[in-house]
Amino acid sequence: MKSVQAKNQLIWFDEELIDSSEVEHAFDLNYWQKNNRIVGSAQGRGTTWFLQLNSLQAAWRHYRRGGLFGKLIADSYWFQGWQKTRCFQEWQLLALMREQGIQVPRPIAARAIKSGMIYRADLLSEKIPNAQDLVSILENQPLDAAMYRKIGDEIRKMHRAQVNHTDLNIHNILIDDREQVWLIDFDKCYQQDGDAWKQENWDRLKRSFEKEQKKRQIHWSAADFELLLDSL
């Protein structure tokens, strides 16, 4: 990781994934539009833009608050130091998990902009090629037992690294065209000692399946969830 600091902002970047000449433009939408390198977008809590870099595609996410508080203060956070910004902490967590063999996106660049005692932040991370989230897949077809066990094994790898995914849901689990499982969206996630909290991750995930079954009639049953708990 390298960094570039100006008066009111700090950008971290991986020079193997983004050219140093593009770092200053990494979070400039006009730059990517002008060079015809926006390859798509997705709506969630704000817009995620998909960009074409030289060697891979990237997802650009601006950090936004959710809930009622987010309607009042959409994207501002209390500044307590550059290394305590949400973008830097998510970068560090992704890097740690990749070192331990967990399938998560590579962080490419992160930016925090300070204004007085608050900051705003962005993260550019790898867009997993040819991947769909579980919601999209299960809307069209069921998964077999082996794939459920594969998903469960990836979650257990994350738990062995003592990473608490505080928003583990089926939108944040991807499967690519090589049937590899990926875990995404680690904003506000962290390493935590002990084991009791791990059951809370599983419970949240189960509620997510149940919610999407009612909302979208996905191809899923409670018996399928038991398969996640079995290892391959």
Protein backbone atom coordinates (compact mmCIF):
# COMPACT_ATOMS: atom_id res chain seq x y z
CA MET A 1 0.00 0.00 0.00
CA LYS A 2 1.18 3.48 -0.93
CA SER A 3 -0.40 6.79 -0.06
CA VAL A 4 -0.68 10.33 -1.41
CA GLN A 5 -1.65 13.14 0.95
CA ALA A 6 -2.88 16.61 0.13
CA LYS A 7 -3.97 19.34 2.54
CA ASN A 8 -7.37 17.84 3.34
CA GLN A 9 -7.33 14.33 1.93
CA LEU A 10 -5.40 11.09 1.96
CA ILE A 11 -5.51 8.44 -0.78
CA TRP A 12 -4.16 4.94 -0.27
CA PHE A 13 -3.56 2.76 -3.32
CA ASP A 14 -2.08 -0.51 -4.57
CA GLU A 15 0.37 0.41 -7.33
CA GLU A 16 0.11 -3.09 -8.81
CA LEU A 17 -3.60 -2.61 -9.49
CA ILE A 18 -3.90 1.06 -10.46
CA ASP A 19 -1.44 3.23 -12.33
CA SER A 20 0.07 5.97 -10.20
CA SER A 21 -0.86 8.44 -12.97
CA GLU A 22 -4.54 7.63 -12.39
CA VAL A 23 -4.55 7.78 -8.61
CA GLU A 24 -5.41 11.48 -8.49
CA HIS A 25 -8.41 10.74 -10.76
CA ALA A 26 -9.47 7.52 -9.02
CA PHE A 27 -12.52 9.17 -7.44
CA ASP A 28 -13.32 11.65 -10.21
CA LEU A 29 -16.48 10.53 -12.02
CA ASN A 30 -15.92 13.01 -14.85
CA TYR A 31 -12.53 11.46 -15.56
CA TRP A 32 -13.97 7.97 -15.98
CA GLN A 33 -16.89 9.25 -18.06
CA LYS A 34 -14.62 11.29 -20.31
CA ASN A 35 -12.45 8.24 -20.99
CA ASN A 36 -15.45 5.92 -21.57
CA ARG A 37 -14.35 3.61 -18.77
CA ILE A 38 -17.56 3.33 -16.78
CA VAL A 39 -18.82 -0.18 -17.48
CA GLY A 40 -21.91 -0.23 -15.29
CA SER A 41 -23.50 0.73 -12.00
CA ALA A 42 -25.67 -0.68 -9.23
CA GLN A 43 -28.11 0.97 -6.87
CA GLY A 44 -28.00 0.30 -3.17
CA ARG A 45 -27.20 2.80 -0.46
CA GLY A 46 -26.21 5.27 -3.16
CA THR A 47 -24.70 4.32 -6.53
CA THR A 48 -21.82 1.89 -6.95
CA TRP A 49 -19.92 2.61 -10.17
CA PHE A 50 -18.06 -0.12 -12.04
CA LEU A 51 -14.87 1.08 -13.72
CA GLN A 52 -12.47 -0.45 -16.23
CA LEU A 53 -8.85 -0.24 -15.07
CA ASN A 54 -5.94 -1.51 -17.11
CA SER A 55 -5.92 -5.06 -15.78
CA LEU A 56 -9.28 -5.50 -14.02
CA GLN A 57 -12.65 -3.97 -13.32
CA ALA A 58 -13.26 -2.09 -10.09
CA ALA A 59 -16.25 -1.17 -7.94
CA TRP A 60 -16.30 2.37 -6.54
CA ARG A 61 -18.37 2.77 -3.39
CA HIS A 62 -18.97 6.00 -1.49
CA TYR A 63 -19.56 5.46 2.21
CA ARG A 64 -23.08 6.39 3.26
CA ARG A 65 -25.06 6.04 6.45
CA GLY A 66 -28.24 4.01 6.59
CA GLY A 67 -31.43 4.30 8.60
CA LEU A 68 -33.05 7.47 9.93
CA PHE A 69 -29.71 8.96 10.97
CA GLY A 70 -28.50 8.55 7.40
CA LYS A 71 -31.32 10.82 6.21
CA LEU A 72 -29.98 13.58 8.42
CA ILE A 73 -26.24 13.06 7.94
CA ALA A 74 -25.90 11.09 4.72
CA ASP A 75 -22.17 10.54 4.36
CA SER A 76 -20.26 12.38 7.10
CA TYR A 77 -18.30 10.71 9.91
CA TRP A 78 -16.45 11.99 12.97
CA PHE A 79 -12.72 12.25 12.22
CA GLN A 80 -10.51 10.48 14.78
CA GLY A 81 -7.39 10.02 12.67
CA TRP A 82 -6.68 8.79 9.14
CA GLN A 83 -6.18 5.19 10.22
CA LYS A 84 -9.56 5.14 11.95
CA THR A 85 -11.47 6.13 8.83
CA ARG A 86 -13.91 3.53 7.57
CA CYS A 87 -12.20 3.20 4.19
CA PHE A 88 -8.77 2.54 5.73
CA GLN A 89 -10.16 0.02 8.21
CA GLU A 90 -12.04 -1.87 5.50
CA TRP A 91 -8.88 -1.91 3.36
CA GLN A 92 -6.87 -3.37 6.24
CA LEU A 93 -9.49 -6.02 6.94
CA LEU A 94 -9.70 -7.09 3.28
CA ALA A 95 -5.91 -7.33 3.08
CA LEU A 96 -5.76 -9.44 6.25
CA MET A 97 -8.42 -11.84 4.98
CA ARG A 98 -6.76 -12.24 1.60
CA GLU A 99 -3.51 -13.12 3.37
CA GLN A 100 -5.41 -15.91 5.13
CA GLY A 101 -6.86 -17.31 1.92
CA ILE A 102 -10.40 -15.96 2.28
CA GLN A 103 -12.15 -15.12 -0.99
CA VAL A 104 -12.77 -11.36 -0.74
CA PRO A 105 -12.17 -8.55 -3.26
CA ARG A 106 -8.77 -6.92 -3.52
CA PRO A 107 -8.69 -3.31 -2.27
CA ILE A 108 -7.39 -0.98 -5.01
CA ALA A 109 -7.65 2.57 -3.69
CA ALA A 110 -9.27 4.36 -0.77
CA ARG A 111 -9.82 8.03 -0.07
CA ALA A 112 -10.77 10.07 2.99
CA ILE A 113 -11.50 13.80 2.72
CA LYS A 114 -11.36 15.77 5.97
CA SER A 115 -13.42 18.91 6.57
CA GLY A 116 -13.07 20.32 10.05
CA MET A 117 -13.86 17.48 12.45
CA ILE A 118 -15.69 15.28 9.95
CA TYR A 119 -14.67 13.26 6.92
CA ARG A 120 -16.16 11.56 3.88
CA ALA A 121 -14.76 8.41 2.34
CA ASP A 122 -14.65 6.19 -0.76
CA LEU A 123 -13.30 2.75 -1.59
CA LEU A 124 -12.27 1.28 -4.94
CA SER A 125 -12.13 -2.51 -4.80
CA GLU A 126 -12.00 -5.39 -7.25
CA LYS A 127 -15.24 -6.22 -9.06
CA ILE A 128 -15.44 -10.02 -9.03
CA PRO A 129 -15.63 -11.11 -12.69
CA ASN A 130 -18.69 -13.03 -13.89
CA ALA A 131 -20.24 -13.25 -10.44
CA GLN A 132 -23.80 -12.98 -9.13
CA ASP A 133 -25.10 -12.62 -5.60
CA LEU A 134 -27.16 -15.40 -4.04
CA VAL A 135 -30.39 -13.45 -4.42
CA SER A 136 -29.99 -13.22 -8.20
CA ILE A 137 -29.04 -16.87 -8.49
CA LEU A 138 -31.79 -18.23 -6.24
CA GLU A 139 -34.44 -16.20 -8.03
CA ASN A 140 -33.80 -18.41 -11.05
CA GLN A 141 -32.69 -21.77 -9.71
CA PRO A 142 -31.89 -23.71 -6.53
CA LEU A 143 -28.36 -24.51 -5.36
CA ASP A 144 -27.17 -28.05 -4.79
CA ALA A 145 -25.93 -29.40 -1.45
CA ALA A 146 -22.26 -29.16 -2.44
CA MET A 147 -22.55 -25.43 -3.16
CA TYR A 148 -24.29 -24.73 0.15
CA ARG A 149 -21.48 -26.55 1.94
CA LYS A 150 -18.94 -24.55 -0.05
CA ILE A 151 -20.59 -21.31 1.06
CA GLY A 152 -20.58 -22.52 4.65
CA ASP A 153 -16.89 -23.38 4.44
CA GLU A 154 -16.01 -19.86 3.23
CA ILE A 155 -17.90 -18.36 6.16
CA ARG A 156 -16.08 -20.68 8.56
CA LYS A 157 -12.74 -19.55 7.07
CA MET A 158 -13.77 -15.98 7.83
CA HIS A 159 -14.71 -16.98 11.38
CA ARG A 160 -11.39 -18.77 11.91
CA ALA A 161 -9.76 -15.43 11.13
CA GLN A 162 -12.00 -13.99 13.90
CA VAL A 163 -13.71 -11.62 11.46
CA ASN A 164 -17.21 -10.55 12.44
CA HIS A 165 -19.23 -9.72 9.32
CA THR A 166 -21.85 -7.50 10.93
CA ASP A 167 -24.04 -7.49 7.80
CA LEU A 168 -23.77 -11.06 6.57
CA ASN A 169 -26.67 -11.52 4.16
CA ILE A 170 -27.27 -13.19 0.81
CA HIS A 171 -26.65 -9.97 -1.11
CA ASN A 172 -23.07 -10.05 0.24
CA ILE A 173 -22.27 -13.59 -0.94
CA LEU A 174 -21.30 -14.05 -4.58
CA ILE A 175 -20.70 -17.10 -6.77
CA ASP A 176 -18.67 -16.69 -9.97
CA ASP A 177 -18.71 -18.70 -13.20
CA ARG A 178 -16.03 -21.05 -11.81
CA GLU A 179 -18.28 -21.81 -8.82
CA GLN A 180 -16.02 -19.94 -6.43
CA VAL A 181 -17.65 -18.31 -3.40
CA TRP A 182 -16.84 -14.69 -2.54
CA LEU A 183 -17.72 -12.60 0.53
CA ILE A 184 -18.11 -8.84 0.07
CA ASP A 185 -19.02 -5.55 1.80
CA PHE A 186 -16.95 -5.38 4.99
CA ASP A 187 -17.78 -1.82 6.01
CA LYS A 188 -18.09 -1.64 9.82
CA CYS A 189 -16.78 -5.21 10.15
CA TYR A 190 -13.87 -6.11 12.41
CA GLN A 191 -11.89 -8.82 14.12
CA GLN A 192 -13.34 -9.96 17.43
CA ASP A 193 -12.14 -12.38 20.09
CA GLY A 194 -14.18 -15.33 21.25
CA ASP A 195 -16.84 -17.38 19.51
CA ALA A 196 -20.27 -16.39 20.86
CA TRP A 197 -20.80 -13.68 18.22
CA LYS A 198 -20.34 -16.19 15.36
CA GLN A 199 -23.82 -17.60 15.95
CA GLU A 200 -25.20 -14.09 15.48
CA ASN A 201 -23.65 -14.06 11.98
CA TRP A 202 -25.38 -17.34 11.12
CA ASP A 203 -28.70 -16.11 12.55
CA ARG A 204 -28.52 -12.91 10.52
CA LEU A 205 -27.78 -14.91 7.37
CA LYS A 206 -30.75 -17.21 7.98
CA ARG A 207 -33.06 -14.22 8.43
CA SER A 208 -31.78 -12.89 5.13
CA PHE A 209 -32.76 -16.12 3.34
CA GLU A 210 -36.18 -16.02 4.97
CA LYS A 211 -36.72 -12.38 4.06
CA GLU A 212 -35.84 -12.89 0.40
CA GLN A 213 -37.97 -16.02 0.20
CA LYS A 214 -41.02 -14.00 1.25
CA LYS A 215 -40.08 -10.99 -0.87
CA ARG A 216 -38.89 -12.68 -4.08
CA GLN A 217 -39.91 -16.34 -3.70
CA ILE A 218 -36.31 -17.51 -4.06
CA HIS A 219 -35.62 -21.23 -4.48
CA TRP A 220 -34.73 -21.99 -0.88
CA SER A 221 -36.00 -23.94 2.12
CA ALA A 222 -35.03 -24.16 5.78
CA ALA A 223 -33.48 -27.56 5.09
CA ASP A 224 -31.04 -25.87 2.70
CA PHE A 225 -29.72 -23.73 5.54
CA GLU A 226 -28.75 -26.87 7.48
CA LEU A 227 -26.44 -27.74 4.58
CA LEU A 228 -24.47 -24.52 5.19
CA LEU A 229 -23.61 -25.82 8.62
CA ASP A 230 -22.08 -29.04 7.23
CA SER A 231 -18.47 -28.89 6.07
CA LEU A 232 -17.31 -30.42 2.81
